[in-house]
Amino acid sequence: MAWRQRQRQKEQSAARQSVLSPQWVFGKQFLTMGSNLLKNLAEGAIKVVEIDVRC
């Protein structure tokens, strides 16, 4: 969650977009999506899960 908060601050304060940005994929909705993600993580509505699978 701390990482997402730092990323959100960068996204909102950046005068220009970085060369590689998720905003290129998600378009104008990206800042809203990031805000919703952070809110849902903070409220416990969603969790981040990492799955490590090996054969």
PDB file of N, CA and C in Angstrom:
ATOM      1  N   MET A   1       0.824  -1.185   0.000  1.00  0.00           N
ATOM      2  CA  MET A   1       0.000   0.000   0.000  1.00  0.00           C
ATOM      3  C   MET A   1       0.874   1.257   0.000  1.00  0.00           C
ATOM      4  N   ALA A   2       1.962   1.209   0.725  1.00  0.00           N
ATOM      5  CA  ALA A   2       2.868   2.365   0.755  1.00  0.00           C
ATOM      6  C   ALA A   2       3.424   2.641  -0.631  1.00  0.00           C
ATOM      7  N   TRP A   3       3.763   1.569  -1.368  1.00  0.00           N
ATOM      8  CA  TRP A   3       4.258   1.740  -2.733  1.00  0.00           C
ATOM      9  C   TRP A   3       3.210   2.422  -3.602  1.00  0.00           C
ATOM     10  N   ARG A   4       1.968   1.983  -3.484  1.00  0.00           N
ATOM     11  CA  ARG A   4       0.897   2.555  -4.304  1.00  0.00           C
ATOM     12  C   ARG A   4       0.695   4.030  -3.972  1.00  0.00           C
ATOM     13  N   GLN A   5       0.796   4.382  -2.697  1.00  0.00           N
ATOM     14  CA  GLN A   5       0.655   5.788  -2.294  1.00  0.00           C
ATOM     15  C   GLN A   5       1.767   6.639  -2.908  1.00  0.00           C
ATOM     16  N   ARG A   6       3.007   6.124  -2.898  1.00  0.00           N
ATOM     17  CA  ARG A   6       4.108   6.867  -3.512  1.00  0.00           C
ATOM     18  C   ARG A   6       3.903   7.025  -5.007  1.00  0.00           C
ATOM     19  N   GLN A   7       3.442   5.959  -5.649  1.00  0.00           N
ATOM     20  CA  GLN A   7       3.199   6.017  -7.090  1.00  0.00           C
ATOM     21  C   GLN A   7       2.109   7.038  -7.413  1.00  0.00           C
ATOM     22  N   ARG A   8       1.076   7.076  -6.613  1.00  0.00           N
ATOM     23  CA  ARG A   8      -0.026   8.017  -6.841  1.00  0.00           C
ATOM     24  C   ARG A   8       0.463   9.458  -6.731  1.00  0.00           C
ATOM     25  N   GLN A   9       1.314   9.734  -5.754  1.00  0.00           N
ATOM     26  CA  GLN A   9       1.871  11.079  -5.611  1.00  0.00           C
ATOM     27  C   GLN A   9       2.682  11.449  -6.841  1.00  0.00           C
ATOM     28  N   LYS A  10       3.465  10.518  -7.354  1.00  0.00           N
ATOM     29  CA  LYS A  10       4.244  10.773  -8.567  1.00  0.00           C
ATOM     30  C   LYS A  10       3.329  11.045  -9.757  1.00  0.00           C
ATOM     31  N   GLU A  11       2.278  10.251  -9.882  1.00  0.00           N
ATOM     32  CA  GLU A  11       1.346  10.403 -11.005  1.00  0.00           C
ATOM     33  C   GLU A  11       0.663  11.761 -10.982  1.00  0.00           C
ATOM     34  N   GLN A  12       0.302  12.223  -9.808  1.00  0.00           N
ATOM     35  CA  GLN A  12      -0.422  13.479  -9.702  1.00  0.00           C
ATOM     36  C   GLN A  12       0.486  14.689  -9.795  1.00  0.00           C
ATOM     37  N   SER A  13       1.754  14.541  -9.394  1.00  0.00           N
ATOM     38  CA  SER A  13       2.637  15.697  -9.381  1.00  0.00           C
ATOM     39  C   SER A  13       3.502  15.803 -10.630  1.00  0.00           C
ATOM     40  N   ALA A  14       3.560  14.785 -11.421  1.00  0.00           N
ATOM     41  CA  ALA A  14       4.417  14.796 -12.610  1.00  0.00           C
ATOM     42  C   ALA A  14       3.895  15.797 -13.636  1.00  0.00           C
ATOM     43  N   ALA A  15       4.767  16.715 -14.026  1.00  0.00           N
ATOM     44  CA  ALA A  15       4.391  17.709 -15.036  1.00  0.00           C
ATOM     45  C   ALA A  15       4.230  17.051 -16.393  1.00  0.00           C
ATOM     46  N   ARG A  16       5.040  16.039 -16.644  1.00  0.00           N
ATOM     47  CA  ARG A  16       4.901  15.298 -17.890  1.00  0.00           C
ATOM     48  C   ARG A  16       4.898  13.819 -17.563  1.00  0.00           C
ATOM     49  N   GLN A  17       4.313  13.041 -18.428  1.00  0.00           N
ATOM     50  CA  GLN A  17       4.245  11.613 -18.189  1.00  0.00           C
ATOM     51  C   GLN A  17       5.583  10.962 -18.518  1.00  0.00           C
ATOM     52  N   SER A  18       5.904   9.916 -17.792  1.00  0.00           N
ATOM     53  CA  SER A  18       7.115   9.171 -18.097  1.00  0.00           C
ATOM     54  C   SER A  18       6.927   8.430 -19.419  1.00  0.00           C
ATOM     55  N   VAL A  19       8.026   8.001 -19.987  1.00  0.00           N
ATOM     56  CA  VAL A  19       7.982   7.333 -21.284  1.00  0.00           C
ATOM     57  C   VAL A  19       7.140   6.070 -21.211  1.00  0.00           C
ATOM     58  N   LEU A  20       7.364   5.270 -20.191  1.00  0.00           N
ATOM     59  CA  LEU A  20       6.578   4.056 -20.001  1.00  0.00           C
ATOM     60  C   LEU A  20       5.630   4.270 -18.835  1.00  0.00           C
ATOM     61  N   SER A  21       4.348   4.255 -19.103  1.00  0.00           N
ATOM     62  CA  SER A  21       3.369   4.527 -18.058  1.00  0.00           C
ATOM     63  C   SER A  21       2.129   3.664 -18.261  1.00  0.00           C
ATOM     64  N   PRO A  22       1.566   3.128 -17.168  1.00  0.00           N
ATOM     65  CA  PRO A  22       0.310   2.391 -17.283  1.00  0.00           C
ATOM     66  C   PRO A  22      -0.815   3.263 -17.845  1.00  0.00           C
ATOM     67  N   GLN A  23      -0.648   4.580 -17.719  1.00  0.00           N
ATOM     68  CA  GLN A  23      -1.672   5.484 -18.234  1.00  0.00           C
ATOM     69  C   GLN A  23      -1.816   5.346 -19.751  1.00  0.00           C
ATOM     70  N   TRP A  24      -0.785   4.932 -20.422  1.00  0.00           N
ATOM     71  CA  TRP A  24      -0.871   4.702 -21.866  1.00  0.00           C
ATOM     72  C   TRP A  24      -1.857   3.577 -22.162  1.00  0.00           C
ATOM     73  N   VAL A  25      -1.905   2.587 -21.279  1.00  0.00           N
ATOM     74  CA  VAL A  25      -2.800   1.452 -21.473  1.00  0.00           C
ATOM     75  C   VAL A  25      -4.216   1.793 -21.016  1.00  0.00           C
ATOM     76  N   PHE A  26      -4.333   2.399 -19.826  1.00  0.00           N
ATOM     77  CA  PHE A  26      -5.638   2.629 -19.218  1.00  0.00           C
ATOM     78  C   PHE A  26      -6.251   3.982 -19.559  1.00  0.00           C
ATOM     79  N   GLY A  27      -5.482   4.861 -20.150  1.00  0.00           N
ATOM     80  CA  GLY A  27      -6.001   6.159 -20.572  1.00  0.00           C
ATOM     81  C   GLY A  27      -6.325   7.093 -19.419  1.00  0.00           C
ATOM     82  N   LYS A  28      -7.272   7.985 -19.659  1.00  0.00           N
ATOM     83  CA  LYS A  28      -7.618   9.027 -18.697  1.00  0.00           C
ATOM     84  C   LYS A  28      -8.195   8.476 -17.398  1.00  0.00           C
ATOM     85  N   GLN A  29      -8.693   7.252 -17.437  1.00  0.00           N
ATOM     86  CA  GLN A  29      -9.283   6.629 -16.244  1.00  0.00           C
ATOM     87  C   GLN A  29      -8.228   6.166 -15.240  1.00  0.00           C
ATOM     88  N   PHE A  30      -6.961   6.180 -15.641  1.00  0.00           N
ATOM     89  CA  PHE A  30      -5.911   5.590 -14.811  1.00  0.00           C
ATOM     90  C   PHE A  30      -5.808   6.223 -13.424  1.00  0.00           C
ATOM     91  N   LEU A  31      -5.863   7.544 -13.320  1.00  0.00           N
ATOM     92  CA  LEU A  31      -5.751   8.187 -12.002  1.00  0.00           C
ATOM     93  C   LEU A  31      -6.926   7.806 -11.110  1.00  0.00           C
ATOM     94  N   THR A  32      -8.109   7.710 -11.677  1.00  0.00           N
ATOM     95  CA  THR A  32      -9.287   7.280 -10.910  1.00  0.00           C
ATOM     96  C   THR A  32      -9.135   5.831 -10.472  1.00  0.00           C
ATOM     97  N   MET A  33      -8.636   4.996 -11.369  1.00  0.00           N
ATOM     98  CA  MET A  33      -8.434   3.589 -11.032  1.00  0.00           C
ATOM     99  C   MET A  33      -7.426   3.437  -9.895  1.00  0.00           C
ATOM    100  N   GLY A  34      -6.337   4.198  -9.956  1.00  0.00           N
ATOM    101  CA  GLY A  34      -5.329   4.151  -8.904  1.00  0.00           C
ATOM    102  C   GLY A  34      -5.879   4.616  -7.573  1.00  0.00           C
ATOM    103  N   SER A  35      -6.693   5.653  -7.600  1.00  0.00           N
ATOM    104  CA  SER A  35      -7.317   6.168  -6.384  1.00  0.00           C
ATOM    105  C   SER A  35      -8.251   5.119  -5.782  1.00  0.00           C
ATOM    106  N   ASN A  36      -9.037   4.482  -6.625  1.00  0.00           N
ATOM    107  CA  ASN A  36      -9.957   3.442  -6.154  1.00  0.00           C
ATOM    108  C   ASN A  36      -9.191   2.256  -5.582  1.00  0.00           C
ATOM    109  N   LEU A  37      -8.081   1.892  -6.224  1.00  0.00           N
ATOM    110  CA  LEU A  37      -7.256   0.797  -5.733  1.00  0.00           C
ATOM    111  C   LEU A  37      -6.739   1.095  -4.332  1.00  0.00           C
ATOM    112  N   LEU A  38      -6.208   2.278  -4.151  1.00  0.00           N
ATOM    113  CA  LEU A  38      -5.667   2.677  -2.844  1.00  0.00           C
ATOM    114  C   LEU A  38      -6.762   2.690  -1.774  1.00  0.00           C
ATOM    115  N   LYS A  39      -7.916   3.221  -2.115  1.00  0.00           N
ATOM    116  CA  LYS A  39      -9.053   3.285  -1.175  1.00  0.00           C
ATOM    117  C   LYS A  39      -9.484   1.872  -0.771  1.00  0.00           C
ATOM    118  N   ASN A  40      -9.603   0.976  -1.740  1.00  0.00           N
ATOM    119  CA  ASN A  40     -10.036  -0.383  -1.449  1.00  0.00           C
ATOM    120  C   ASN A  40      -9.006  -1.154  -0.639  1.00  0.00           C
ATOM    121  N   LEU A  41      -7.717  -0.929  -0.899  1.00  0.00           N
ATOM    122  CA  LEU A  41      -6.676  -1.554  -0.084  1.00  0.00           C
ATOM    123  C   LEU A  41      -6.746  -1.053   1.353  1.00  0.00           C
ATOM    124  N   ALA A  42      -6.904   0.258   1.531  1.00  0.00           N
ATOM    125  CA  ALA A  42      -6.963   0.854   2.864  1.00  0.00           C
ATOM    126  C   ALA A  42      -8.168   0.358   3.653  1.00  0.00           C
ATOM    127  N   GLU A  43      -9.289   0.157   2.979  1.00  0.00           N
ATOM    128  CA  GLU A  43     -10.513  -0.292   3.652  1.00  0.00           C
ATOM    129  C   GLU A  43     -10.572  -1.809   3.833  1.00  0.00           C
ATOM    130  N   GLY A  44      -9.590  -2.511   3.295  1.00  0.00           N
ATOM    131  CA  GLY A  44      -9.582  -3.970   3.423  1.00  0.00           C
ATOM    132  C   GLY A  44     -10.554  -4.660   2.488  1.00  0.00           C
ATOM    133  N   ALA A  45     -11.071  -3.924   1.512  1.00  0.00           N
ATOM    134  CA  ALA A  45     -12.018  -4.513   0.566  1.00  0.00           C
ATOM    135  C   ALA A  45     -11.313  -5.463  -0.408  1.00  0.00           C
ATOM    136  N   ILE A  46     -10.027  -5.211  -0.647  1.00  0.00           N
ATOM    137  CA  ILE A  46      -9.225  -6.074  -1.512  1.00  0.00           C
ATOM    138  C   ILE A  46      -7.869  -6.295  -0.856  1.00  0.00           C
ATOM    139  N   LYS A  47      -7.181  -7.316  -1.297  1.00  0.00           N
ATOM    140  CA  LYS A  47      -5.843  -7.616  -0.800  1.00  0.00           C
ATOM    141  C   LYS A  47      -4.955  -7.975  -1.988  1.00  0.00           C
ATOM    142  N   VAL A  48      -3.672  -7.780  -1.814  1.00  0.00           N
ATOM    143  CA  VAL A  48      -2.698  -8.174  -2.825  1.00  0.00           C
ATOM    144  C   VAL A  48      -2.242  -9.583  -2.481  1.00  0.00           C
ATOM    145  N   VAL A  49      -2.267 -10.456  -3.477  1.00  0.00           N
ATOM    146  CA  VAL A  49      -1.881 -11.852  -3.274  1.00  0.00           C
ATOM    147  C   VAL A  49      -0.769 -12.180  -4.246  1.00  0.00           C
ATOM    148  N   GLU A  50       0.272 -12.823  -3.746  1.00  0.00           N
ATOM    149  CA  GLU A  50       1.371 -13.283  -4.605  1.00  0.00           C
ATOM    150  C   GLU A  50       1.391 -14.802  -4.555  1.00  0.00           C
ATOM    151  N   ILE A  51       1.417 -15.403  -5.726  1.00  0.00           N
ATOM    152  CA  ILE A  51       1.451 -16.852  -5.812  1.00  0.00           C
ATOM    153  C   ILE A  51       2.767 -17.248  -6.482  1.00  0.00           C
ATOM    154  N   ASP A  52       3.522 -18.085  -5.813  1.00  0.00           N
ATOM    155  CA  ASP A  52       4.801 -18.553  -6.344  1.00  0.00           C
ATOM    156  C   ASP A  52       4.639 -20.030  -6.688  1.00  0.00           C
ATOM    157  N   VAL A  53       4.648 -20.337  -7.978  1.00  0.00           N
ATOM    158  CA  VAL A  53       4.439 -21.722  -8.437  1.00  0.00           C
ATOM    159  C   VAL A  53       5.716 -22.202  -9.094  1.00  0.00           C
ATOM    160  N   ARG A  54       6.142 -23.372  -8.715  1.00  0.00           N
ATOM    161  CA  ARG A  54       7.346 -23.971  -9.304  1.00  0.00           C
ATOM    162  C   ARG A  54       7.057 -25.401  -9.723  1.00  0.00           C
ATOM    163  N   CYS A  55       7.668 -25.800 -10.786  1.00  0.00           N
ATOM    164  CA  CYS A  55       7.512 -27.199 -11.262  1.00  0.00           C
ATOM    165  C   CYS A  55       8.715 -28.008 -10.879  1.00  0.00           C
TER     166      CYS A  55
END
